[in-house]
């Protein structure tokens, strides 16, 4: 089982070189990556015993490299002597991404030879320290077709100017799939380009290109199968705004945005073609202050939604207002209420008066239980003797007949 040693020192030391090219000379384009695991790095050294490693001439200094596998730092390549401070790649190490430049140069060199184009001269640019803005030029003799490769995901002013120039339509473009801004610029100019990506292996990587078909369906494959498509016509500029109708009012004029003069621009940005595209340049382009085609933002082109006159489901329904009643209807309702009240009072009186629930037919008391001589059977006379005359019931008691 492989074991990963301490990597905290590698995070602090940015000068560690993880990639190299192997072969008899520094011009070799067989790029390799030294594994980060301790045991895997030992196996890598044993498999490449007697092989020379170089910093490379595409994005490196071209000097000799050696492997160093210790316990305090992760395995890495190092320059012998004081060459570490003179190597640009050692000072700006990008880890595994340093494999891409030599691999794409080796593949494109064979691709250009297959199209009867000269090998050309390679120029590698990596202008920004904190961002990935790698850019490669392959220039041939006068009258031949050049090639541009965009590897970084950050677009600089130089890349943007080359993509929008007239000469850019005569070049072969290869753009990494993660750089969507350059791809959008080339699409607007109608320039055909190839999307590329790198598939990592155990100690290296392979270059793949997206092979599109006429029906816009394709797959990734080797670059040797790629055939550049013809350029299209540039996309027409979008209208500046919606047409003004008779009932519409023109929008209020915006105050002009002050542009920075050469005196206000920092000295480090003057004359730097690889300055990163900032938000001020993008806002000026949207407002049409840079001399280019005006492009309004998406929210300005959105049609306003008409307001609904009727309440939607989210609103509560309005309360119903009762219809007005006439005086005759009110009088009839009052009479009905009085009749219902009288009927209720009569029922309540009949329920609560004495003898309502039956009385003894002998003593005329309200109930049979009130007579002390009454037995359990009401039909039998009580043993209290004759009932006084003053206590006879005045009304006929139900059931006494």
Protein backbone atom coordinates (compact mmCIF):
# COMPACT_ATOMS: atom_id res chain seq x y z
CA UNK A 1 0.00 0.00 0.00
CA UNK A 2 1.32 3.40 -0.94
CA UNK A 3 1.99 5.87 1.83
CA UNK A 4 1.69 9.63 1.51
CA UNK A 5 4.23 11.52 3.56
CA UNK A 6 3.94 15.04 4.92
CA UNK A 7 2.69 17.57 2.36
CA UNK A 8 2.68 20.70 4.54
CA UNK A 9 6.22 21.57 3.46
CA UNK A 10 5.26 21.26 -0.19
CA UNK A 11 2.42 23.70 0.29
CA UNK A 12 4.79 26.26 1.80
CA UNK A 13 7.57 25.72 -0.77
CA UNK A 14 6.24 26.77 -4.17
CA UNK A 15 9.55 26.03 -5.92
CA UNK A 16 9.03 22.28 -5.98
CA UNK A 17 8.92 20.99 -9.57
CA UNK A 18 6.63 18.02 -10.14
CA UNK A 19 6.99 17.53 -13.92
CA UNK A 20 9.86 16.97 -16.35
CA UNK A 21 10.61 15.65 -19.83
CA UNK A 22 12.65 12.50 -20.26
CA UNK A 23 15.00 11.67 -23.08
CA UNK A 24 18.53 12.19 -24.33
CA UNK A 25 18.15 15.99 -24.80
CA UNK A 26 16.14 18.84 -23.34
CA UNK A 27 14.15 19.15 -26.59
CA UNK A 28 12.36 15.89 -25.83
CA UNK A 29 8.60 16.26 -25.44
CA UNK A 30 7.94 13.05 -23.47
CA UNK A 31 6.53 14.71 -20.36
CA UNK A 32 6.18 12.80 -17.08
CA UNK A 33 4.83 13.53 -13.62
CA UNK A 34 6.56 12.37 -10.43
CA UNK A 35 4.01 10.68 -8.10
CA UNK A 36 3.34 12.39 -4.79
CA UNK A 37 3.21 9.15 -2.79
CA UNK A 38 6.48 8.04 -1.28
CA UNK A 39 6.35 4.38 -2.31
CA UNK A 40 5.02 5.20 -5.78
CA UNK A 41 7.87 7.68 -6.28
CA UNK A 42 10.41 4.98 -5.36
CA UNK A 43 8.86 2.66 -7.96
CA UNK A 44 8.99 5.50 -10.53
CA UNK A 45 12.72 6.02 -9.85
CA UNK A 46 13.40 2.30 -10.19
CA UNK A 47 11.47 2.04 -13.48
CA UNK A 48 13.34 5.03 -14.95
CA UNK A 49 16.79 3.98 -13.85
CA UNK A 50 19.35 5.42 -16.24
CA UNK A 51 16.86 7.87 -17.84
CA UNK A 52 17.76 11.55 -18.05
CA UNK A 53 15.23 14.14 -16.93
CA UNK A 54 15.16 17.75 -18.19
CA UNK A 55 13.28 20.89 -17.31
CA UNK A 56 12.17 21.21 -20.94
CA UNK A 57 12.50 24.03 -23.43
CA UNK A 58 8.83 24.91 -23.96
CA UNK A 59 7.96 26.28 -20.54
CA UNK A 60 11.19 25.59 -18.62
CA UNK A 61 14.86 26.49 -18.56
CA UNK A 62 16.16 23.37 -20.36
CA UNK A 63 18.54 22.32 -17.57
CA UNK A 64 19.04 18.88 -16.06
CA UNK A 65 16.68 17.62 -13.34
CA UNK A 66 17.10 14.99 -10.65
CA UNK A 67 14.62 13.19 -8.42
CA UNK A 68 14.52 13.80 -4.69
CA UNK A 69 12.49 11.49 -2.46
CA UNK A 70 12.67 12.27 1.24
CA UNK A 71 10.58 12.15 4.39
CA UNK A 72 10.06 15.87 5.06
CA UNK A 73 8.88 16.99 1.61
CA UNK A 74 6.84 15.30 -1.05
CA UNK A 75 8.82 13.71 -3.90
CA UNK A 76 9.85 16.25 -6.54
CA UNK A 77 12.44 17.15 -9.18
CA UNK A 78 15.21 19.62 -8.43
CA UNK A 79 17.87 21.56 -10.33
CA UNK A 80 21.43 20.88 -9.46
CA UNK A 81 23.43 23.81 -8.10
CA UNK A 82 22.00 27.32 -8.18
CA UNK A 83 19.82 26.77 -11.24
CA UNK A 84 16.70 26.65 -9.08
CA UNK A 85 16.60 30.43 -8.71
CA UNK A 86 17.15 30.96 -12.46
CA UNK A 87 14.28 28.75 -13.61
CA UNK A 88 10.99 30.52 -14.26
CA UNK A 89 9.00 27.31 -13.91
CA UNK A 90 10.53 26.59 -10.50
CA UNK A 91 9.52 30.04 -9.26
CA UNK A 92 6.00 29.75 -10.70
CA UNK A 93 5.18 26.11 -10.27
CA UNK A 94 1.74 24.98 -11.43
CA UNK A 95 2.05 21.34 -10.43
CA UNK A 96 0.40 18.85 -12.75
CA UNK A 97 -0.58 21.60 -15.23
CA UNK A 98 3.07 21.99 -16.32
CA UNK A 99 2.57 18.78 -18.33
CA UNK A 100 0.17 20.42 -20.77
CA UNK A 101 2.59 22.75 -22.58
CA UNK A 102 5.15 20.12 -23.74
CA UNK A 103 2.40 17.60 -24.56
CA UNK A 104 0.38 19.98 -26.74
CA UNK A 105 3.55 21.18 -28.50
CA UNK A 106 4.59 17.62 -29.37
CA UNK A 107 1.10 16.76 -30.66
CA UNK A 108 0.65 19.95 -32.68
CA UNK A 109 4.09 19.63 -34.20
CA UNK A 110 3.13 16.27 -35.68
CA UNK A 111 -0.30 17.62 -36.66
CA UNK A 112 1.25 20.54 -38.58
CA UNK A 113 3.67 18.24 -40.35
CA UNK A 114 0.72 16.08 -41.47
CA UNK A 115 -0.82 19.16 -43.10
CA UNK A 116 2.43 20.07 -44.92
CA UNK A 117 3.01 23.04 -42.63
CA UNK A 118 6.44 23.96 -41.25
CA UNK A 119 7.19 23.04 -37.69
CA UNK A 120 7.38 26.70 -36.68
CA UNK A 121 8.66 28.36 -33.55
CA UNK A 122 6.96 28.00 -30.20
CA UNK A 123 6.48 30.90 -27.78
CA UNK A 124 5.07 30.28 -24.31
CA UNK A 125 3.52 33.03 -22.17
CA UNK A 126 2.58 32.76 -18.51
CA UNK A 127 2.20 36.41 -17.46
CA UNK A 128 0.10 36.28 -14.29
CA UNK A 129 1.48 34.77 -11.12
CA UNK A 130 -1.72 34.22 -9.17
CA UNK A 131 -3.90 33.10 -12.12
CA UNK A 132 -3.65 30.59 -14.93
CA UNK A 133 -3.31 32.61 -18.16
CA UNK A 134 -1.00 30.35 -20.18
CA UNK A 135 -0.93 31.19 -23.89
CA UNK A 136 1.14 29.60 -26.70
CA UNK A 137 2.07 30.85 -30.21
CA UNK A 138 3.32 28.65 -33.02
CA UNK A 139 4.61 30.96 -35.73
CA UNK A 140 5.85 29.79 -39.11
CA UNK A 141 7.49 31.57 -42.05
CA UNK A 142 5.69 34.41 -43.77
CA UNK A 143 2.75 33.16 -45.80
CA UNK A 144 2.09 30.11 -43.64
CA UNK A 145 -0.70 29.45 -41.19
CA UNK A 146 0.00 30.15 -37.51
CA UNK A 147 -1.47 28.36 -34.53
CA UNK A 148 -2.71 29.73 -31.20
CA UNK A 149 -3.26 27.59 -28.09
CA UNK A 150 -5.14 28.92 -25.05
CA UNK A 151 -4.44 26.71 -22.02
CA UNK A 152 -5.36 28.96 -19.11
CA UNK A 153 -8.86 29.78 -17.95
CA UNK A 154 -8.10 33.51 -17.49
CA UNK A 155 -8.36 35.67 -20.61
CA UNK A 156 -5.84 38.47 -21.00
CA UNK A 157 -6.02 41.55 -23.22
CA UNK A 158 -3.51 39.99 -25.65
CA UNK A 159 -5.65 36.88 -26.17
CA UNK A 160 -8.78 38.97 -26.59
CA UNK A 161 -7.15 41.25 -29.17
CA UNK A 162 -5.77 38.30 -31.15
CA UNK A 163 -9.16 36.57 -31.20
CA UNK A 164 -10.96 39.72 -32.36
CA UNK A 165 -8.34 40.75 -34.95
CA UNK A 166 -8.60 40.25 -38.70
CA UNK A 167 -5.51 38.03 -38.68
CA UNK A 168 -7.19 35.78 -36.13
CA UNK A 169 -9.45 34.40 -38.85
CA UNK A 170 -6.38 32.98 -40.62
CA UNK A 171 -5.00 31.07 -37.64
CA UNK A 172 -5.69 27.62 -36.22
CA UNK A 173 -7.13 27.95 -32.73
CA UNK A 174 -7.01 25.35 -29.96
CA UNK A 175 -8.81 26.39 -26.76
CA UNK A 176 -9.06 24.50 -23.49
CA UNK A 177 -12.65 23.53 -22.78
CA UNK A 178 -12.69 25.40 -19.45
CA UNK A 179 -12.01 28.81 -21.07
CA UNK A 180 -15.52 29.83 -22.02
CA UNK A 181 -14.70 33.51 -22.61
CA UNK A 182 -12.31 32.93 -25.51
CA UNK A 183 -14.70 30.41 -27.03
CA UNK A 184 -17.49 33.00 -26.90
CA UNK A 185 -15.28 35.56 -28.66
CA UNK A 186 -14.37 33.11 -31.43
CA UNK A 187 -18.01 32.10 -31.85
CA UNK A 188 -19.05 35.74 -32.27
CA UNK A 189 -16.34 36.25 -34.90
CA UNK A 190 -17.31 33.06 -36.75
CA UNK A 191 -13.82 31.57 -36.28
CA UNK A 192 -13.53 27.79 -36.20
CA UNK A 193 -11.57 26.36 -33.27
CA UNK A 194 -10.89 23.04 -31.57
CA UNK A 195 -11.78 22.24 -27.98
CA UNK A 196 -9.02 20.34 -26.20
CA UNK A 197 -8.62 18.62 -22.86
CA UNK A 198 -6.01 16.52 -21.07
CA UNK A 199 -6.78 13.10 -19.63
CA UNK A 200 -4.33 12.18 -16.82
CA UNK A 201 -2.63 8.79 -16.62
CA UNK A 202 -0.43 7.26 -13.93
CA UNK A 203 2.65 9.41 -14.66
CA UNK A 204 1.61 11.56 -17.66
CA UNK A 205 -1.43 12.70 -19.67
CA UNK A 206 -2.91 12.42 -23.16
CA UNK A 207 -4.28 15.21 -25.31
CA UNK A 208 -7.79 14.87 -26.73
CA UNK A 209 -9.73 17.09 -29.13
CA UNK A 210 -13.49 17.27 -29.62
CA UNK A 211 -14.28 15.90 -33.09
CA UNK A 212 -17.52 17.60 -34.13
CA UNK A 213 -19.73 16.31 -36.95
CA UNK A 214 -22.03 18.25 -39.30
CA UNK A 215 -25.03 17.39 -37.13
CA UNK A 216 -23.25 19.01 -34.13
CA UNK A 217 -22.73 15.65 -32.44
CA UNK A 218 -19.22 14.40 -31.82
CA UNK A 219 -16.82 12.72 -29.42
CA UNK A 220 -13.33 13.17 -28.01
CA UNK A 221 -10.45 11.61 -29.90
CA UNK A 222 -6.85 11.96 -31.03
CA UNK A 223 -5.70 15.23 -32.53
CA UNK A 224 -4.42 13.43 -35.63
CA UNK A 225 -8.07 12.97 -36.69
CA UNK A 226 -8.92 16.66 -36.37
CA UNK A 227 -9.69 18.62 -39.53
CA UNK A 228 -10.27 22.34 -39.16
CA UNK A 229 -13.74 23.45 -40.23
CA UNK A 230 -14.14 26.50 -42.49
CA UNK A 231 -14.81 29.82 -40.83
CA UNK A 232 -18.30 31.27 -40.77
CA UNK A 233 -19.52 34.79 -41.30
CA UNK A 234 -19.20 37.01 -38.22
CA UNK A 235 -22.29 37.23 -36.09
CA UNK A 236 -24.17 40.51 -36.75
CA UNK A 237 -24.18 42.95 -33.84
CA UNK A 238 -27.27 42.91 -31.71
CA UNK A 239 -29.61 45.95 -31.87
CA UNK A 240 -28.90 48.74 -29.44
CA UNK A 241 -32.41 48.62 -27.97
CA UNK A 242 -36.10 48.12 -28.60
CA UNK A 243 -37.72 50.31 -31.28
CA UNK A 244 -39.36 53.43 -29.93
CA UNK A 245 -43.11 53.48 -30.55
CA UNK A 246 -45.50 56.43 -30.52
CA UNK A 247 -46.78 55.68 -27.02
CA UNK A 248 -43.43 55.00 -25.41
CA UNK A 249 -41.16 57.58 -23.82
CA UNK A 250 -37.39 57.60 -24.35
CA UNK A 251 -35.29 56.55 -21.39
CA UNK A 252 -33.41 59.29 -19.53
CA UNK A 253 -29.88 59.87 -20.74
CA UNK A 254 -27.16 58.34 -18.60
CA UNK A 255 -24.21 60.32 -17.40
CA UNK A 256 -21.03 59.38 -19.29
CA UNK A 257 -18.57 57.17 -17.44
CA UNK A 258 -15.21 58.89 -17.08
CA UNK A 259 -12.44 56.98 -18.80
CA UNK A 260 -9.05 56.52 -17.24
CA UNK A 261 -6.30 58.45 -18.94
CA UNK A 262 -2.74 57.31 -19.40
CA UNK A 263 -1.68 59.42 -16.42
CA UNK A 264 -4.19 57.72 -14.10
CA UNK A 265 -3.27 54.19 -15.21
CA UNK A 266 -0.58 52.60 -13.03
CA UNK A 267 2.81 52.30 -14.64
CA UNK A 268 2.80 48.51 -14.28
CA UNK A 269 -0.32 48.30 -16.53
CA UNK A 270 0.83 50.71 -19.26
CA UNK A 271 1.97 48.85 -22.34
CA UNK A 272 1.22 45.45 -20.80
CA UNK A 273 -0.66 43.39 -23.42
CA UNK A 274 -1.29 40.63 -20.87
CA UNK A 275 -3.25 42.78 -18.42
CA UNK A 276 -6.25 40.94 -17.14
CA UNK A 277 -9.62 42.08 -18.50
CA UNK A 278 -11.19 44.09 -15.66
CA UNK A 279 -14.80 45.04 -14.88
CA UNK A 280 -14.30 48.64 -16.09
CA UNK A 281 -13.49 47.45 -19.58
CA UNK A 282 -16.50 45.16 -19.60
CA UNK A 283 -18.85 47.94 -18.40
CA UNK A 284 -17.49 50.35 -20.99
CA UNK A 285 -18.05 47.78 -23.70
CA UNK A 286 -21.63 47.21 -22.57
CA UNK A 287 -22.37 50.94 -22.59
CA UNK A 288 -20.74 51.54 -25.99
CA UNK A 289 -18.00 53.84 -24.69
CA UNK A 290 -15.05 51.91 -26.10
CA UNK A 291 -15.87 52.42 -29.76
CA UNK A 292 -17.02 48.83 -30.28
CA UNK A 293 -20.47 47.42 -30.91
CA UNK A 294 -22.97 48.20 -28.17
CA UNK A 295 -24.39 45.25 -26.30
CA UNK A 296 -27.09 45.81 -23.76
CA UNK A 297 -27.39 43.53 -20.75
CA UNK A 298 -30.03 40.86 -20.67
CA UNK A 299 -32.22 42.67 -18.15
CA UNK A 300 -32.48 45.72 -20.48
CA UNK A 301 -33.83 43.60 -23.33
CA UNK A 302 -36.48 41.89 -21.26
CA UNK A 303 -40.08 42.78 -22.16
CA UNK A 304 -41.98 44.12 -19.14
CA UNK A 305 -44.79 41.85 -18.00
CA UNK A 306 -48.26 43.49 -18.16
CA UNK A 307 -49.97 43.96 -14.84
CA UNK A 308 -53.10 41.95 -14.21
CA UNK A 309 -56.33 43.87 -13.62
CA UNK A 310 -58.02 41.06 -11.70
CA UNK A 311 -56.67 39.75 -8.40
CA UNK A 312 -54.67 36.56 -8.66
CA UNK A 313 -55.08 33.49 -6.48
CA UNK A 314 -52.61 34.85 -3.99
CA UNK A 315 -55.10 37.63 -2.99
CA UNK A 316 -57.92 36.91 -0.53
CA UNK A 317 -61.45 36.98 -2.02
CA UNK A 318 -63.46 40.15 -1.37
CA UNK A 319 -66.25 39.99 1.26
CA UNK A 320 -69.84 39.87 -0.08
CA UNK A 321 -71.97 42.95 0.66
CA UNK A 322 -75.62 42.07 1.59
CA UNK A 323 -78.33 43.41 -0.69
CA UNK A 324 -80.52 46.23 0.78
CA UNK A 325 -83.98 45.16 2.17
CA UNK A 326 -87.28 46.99 2.05
CA UNK A 327 -89.29 48.17 5.08
CA UNK A 328 -91.97 45.52 4.48
CA UNK A 329 -89.36 42.73 4.58
CA UNK A 330 -87.94 44.11 7.80
CA UNK A 331 -91.45 44.26 9.42
CA UNK A 332 -92.23 40.67 8.44
CA UNK A 333 -88.93 39.44 9.83
CA UNK A 334 -89.66 41.30 13.10
CA UNK A 335 -93.13 39.68 13.39
CA UNK A 336 -91.64 36.23 12.81
CA UNK A 337 -89.09 36.85 15.52
CA UNK A 338 -91.78 37.95 18.02
CA UNK A 339 -93.86 34.83 17.24
CA UNK A 340 -90.86 32.55 17.78
CA UNK A 341 -90.14 34.29 21.09
CA UNK A 342 -93.71 33.90 22.35
CA UNK A 343 -93.75 30.25 21.44
CA UNK A 344 -90.50 29.68 23.31
CA UNK A 345 -91.84 31.45 26.42
CA UNK A 346 -95.02 29.35 26.39
CA UNK A 347 -93.04 26.15 26.22
CA UNK A 348 -90.80 27.23 29.07
CA UNK A 349 -93.85 28.12 31.27
CA UNK A 350 -95.54 24.78 30.66
CA UNK A 351 -92.36 22.97 31.55
CA UNK A 352 -91.75 24.72 34.91
CA UNK A 353 -95.37 25.13 36.37
CA UNK A 354 -96.48 22.82 39.30
CA UNK A 355 -98.07 19.53 38.29
CA UNK A 356 -96.60 19.64 34.89
CA UNK A 357 -94.98 16.27 35.38
CA UNK A 358 -98.09 14.62 37.01
CA UNK A 359 -99.65 14.80 40.53
CA UNK A 360 -101.07 12.41 43.04
CA UNK A 361 -104.75 11.95 42.34
CA UNK A 362 -105.49 11.59 46.01
CA UNK A 363 -103.58 14.41 47.67
CA UNK A 364 -103.14 16.67 44.61
CA UNK A 365 -99.48 17.21 45.39
CA UNK A 366 -97.26 18.11 42.40
CA UNK A 367 -95.80 14.66 42.18
CA UNK A 368 -96.61 11.29 43.63
CA UNK A 369 -93.30 11.30 45.54
CA UNK A 370 -94.41 14.35 47.52
CA UNK A 371 -97.19 12.34 49.21
CA UNK A 372 -95.75 10.42 52.19
CA UNK A 373 -98.50 7.79 51.94
CA UNK A 374 -97.94 7.10 48.27
CA UNK A 375 -96.67 3.64 47.48
CA UNK A 376 -94.57 2.62 44.55
CA UNK A 377 -97.69 2.09 42.45
CA UNK A 378 -99.48 5.30 41.59
CA UNK A 379 -102.76 3.47 40.89
CA UNK A 380 -103.16 2.58 44.60
CA UNK A 381 -104.70 5.18 46.92
CA UNK A 382 -102.49 6.61 49.55
CA UNK A 383 -103.02 5.69 53.19
CA UNK A 384 -103.26 9.28 54.34
CA UNK A 385 -107.04 9.25 54.48
CA UNK A 386 -109.40 11.55 52.63
CA UNK A 387 -107.92 14.51 50.80
CA UNK A 388 -108.93 17.91 52.15
CA UNK A 389 -111.22 19.92 49.92
CA UNK A 390 -108.83 22.82 49.70
CA UNK A 391 -106.20 20.53 48.28
CA UNK A 392 -108.21 19.05 45.46
CA UNK A 393 -106.77 19.86 42.05
CA UNK A 394 -108.51 22.66 40.20
CA UNK A 395 -107.75 21.14 36.83
CA UNK A 396 -108.06 17.66 35.56
CA UNK A 397 -104.85 15.81 36.09
CA UNK A 398 -103.87 13.66 33.11
CA UNK A 399 -104.47 9.95 33.86
CA UNK A 400 -106.84 10.56 36.80
CA UNK A 401 -109.99 9.62 34.92
